[in-house]
Amino acid sequence: MIGTPEIILIVLVVLLLFGGKKIPELMRGLGKGVKSFKDGMKGIDAPEESRKDAE
């Protein structure tokens, strides 16, 4: 399991690699990717007729 020191180390490495200005942009892109993935999974689970109704 990941503890607090490991999380702090990961955050520091990300800050060094990308800089403070790029992090919000990266998180925004990650959030959009996760949302898109979840929407895609809902589409797979939904029956064919309910997908047509949603469009």
C-alpha atoms as a PDB file:
ATOM      1  CA  MET A   1       0.000   0.000   0.000  1.00  0.00           C
ATOM      2  CA  ILE A   2       1.186   3.513  -0.752  1.00  0.00           C
ATOM      3  CA  GLY A   3       1.860   5.663   2.290  1.00  0.00           C
ATOM      4  CA  THR A   4       2.188   9.395   2.795  1.00  0.00           C
ATOM      5  CA  PRO A   5       5.959   9.593   2.086  1.00  0.00           C
ATOM      6  CA  GLU A   6       5.493   7.824  -1.253  1.00  0.00           C
ATOM      7  CA  ILE A   7       2.659  10.152  -2.276  1.00  0.00           C
ATOM      8  CA  ILE A   8       4.760  13.202  -1.383  1.00  0.00           C
ATOM      9  CA  LEU A   9       7.656  11.842  -3.439  1.00  0.00           C
ATOM     10  CA  ILE A  10       5.388  11.237  -6.446  1.00  0.00           C
ATOM     11  CA  VAL A  11       3.960  14.768  -6.212  1.00  0.00           C
ATOM     12  CA  LEU A  12       7.460  16.258  -6.064  1.00  0.00           C
ATOM     13  CA  VAL A  13       8.605  14.271  -9.085  1.00  0.00           C
ATOM     14  CA  VAL A  14       5.532  15.374 -11.071  1.00  0.00           C
ATOM     15  CA  LEU A  15       6.185  19.001 -10.107  1.00  0.00           C
ATOM     16  CA  LEU A  16       9.801  18.717 -11.225  1.00  0.00           C
ATOM     17  CA  LEU A  17       8.895  17.085 -14.525  1.00  0.00           C
ATOM     18  CA  PHE A  18       5.952  19.243 -15.573  1.00  0.00           C
ATOM     19  CA  GLY A  19       6.193  22.445 -13.540  1.00  0.00           C
ATOM     20  CA  GLY A  20       3.397  24.124 -11.604  1.00  0.00           C
ATOM     21  CA  LYS A  21       1.720  25.714 -14.633  1.00  0.00           C
ATOM     22  CA  LYS A  22       1.184  22.465 -16.541  1.00  0.00           C
ATOM     23  CA  ILE A  23      -0.401  20.471 -13.702  1.00  0.00           C
ATOM     24  CA  PRO A  24      -3.939  21.966 -13.908  1.00  0.00           C
ATOM     25  CA  GLU A  25      -3.936  21.330 -17.654  1.00  0.00           C
ATOM     26  CA  LEU A  26      -2.841  17.719 -17.109  1.00  0.00           C
ATOM     27  CA  MET A  27      -5.509  17.149 -14.438  1.00  0.00           C
ATOM     28  CA  ARG A  28      -8.191  18.649 -16.677  1.00  0.00           C
ATOM     29  CA  GLY A  29      -7.191  16.291 -19.486  1.00  0.00           C
ATOM     30  CA  LEU A  30      -7.156  13.351 -17.106  1.00  0.00           C
ATOM     31  CA  GLY A  31     -10.634  14.258 -15.844  1.00  0.00           C
ATOM     32  CA  LYS A  32     -11.995  14.468 -19.384  1.00  0.00           C
ATOM     33  CA  GLY A  33     -10.445  11.099 -20.181  1.00  0.00           C
ATOM     34  CA  VAL A  34     -11.999   9.446 -17.133  1.00  0.00           C
ATOM     35  CA  LYS A  35     -15.404  10.975 -17.918  1.00  0.00           C
ATOM     36  CA  SER A  36     -15.182   9.800 -21.515  1.00  0.00           C
ATOM     37  CA  PHE A  37     -14.235   6.304 -20.358  1.00  0.00           C
ATOM     38  CA  LYS A  38     -17.175   6.157 -17.915  1.00  0.00           C
ATOM     39  CA  ASP A  39     -19.587   7.389 -20.595  1.00  0.00           C
ATOM     40  CA  GLY A  40     -18.272   4.729 -22.949  1.00  0.00           C
ATOM     41  CA  MET A  41     -18.751   2.023 -20.347  1.00  0.00           C
ATOM     42  CA  LYS A  42     -22.349   3.157 -19.758  1.00  0.00           C
ATOM     43  CA  GLY A  43     -22.948   2.936 -23.504  1.00  0.00           C
ATOM     44  CA  ILE A  44     -21.692  -0.650 -23.590  1.00  0.00           C
ATOM     45  CA  ASP A  45     -23.875  -1.671 -20.644  1.00  0.00           C
ATOM     46  CA  ALA A  46     -27.016   0.019 -22.008  1.00  0.00           C
ATOM     47  CA  PRO A  47     -29.306  -1.983 -24.281  1.00  0.00           C
ATOM     48  CA  GLU A  48     -29.477  -0.955 -27.932  1.00  0.00           C
ATOM     49  CA  GLU A  49     -32.917   0.711 -27.631  1.00  0.00           C
ATOM     50  CA  SER A  50     -32.002   2.976 -24.705  1.00  0.00           C
ATOM     51  CA  ARG A  51     -28.932   4.210 -26.580  1.00  0.00           C
ATOM     52  CA  LYS A  52     -31.153   5.263 -29.489  1.00  0.00           C
ATOM     53  CA  ASP A  53     -33.456   7.124 -27.085  1.00  0.00           C
ATOM     54  CA  ALA A  54     -30.506   9.008 -25.584  1.00  0.00           C
ATOM     55  CA  GLU A  55     -29.438  10.416 -28.963  1.00  0.00           C
END
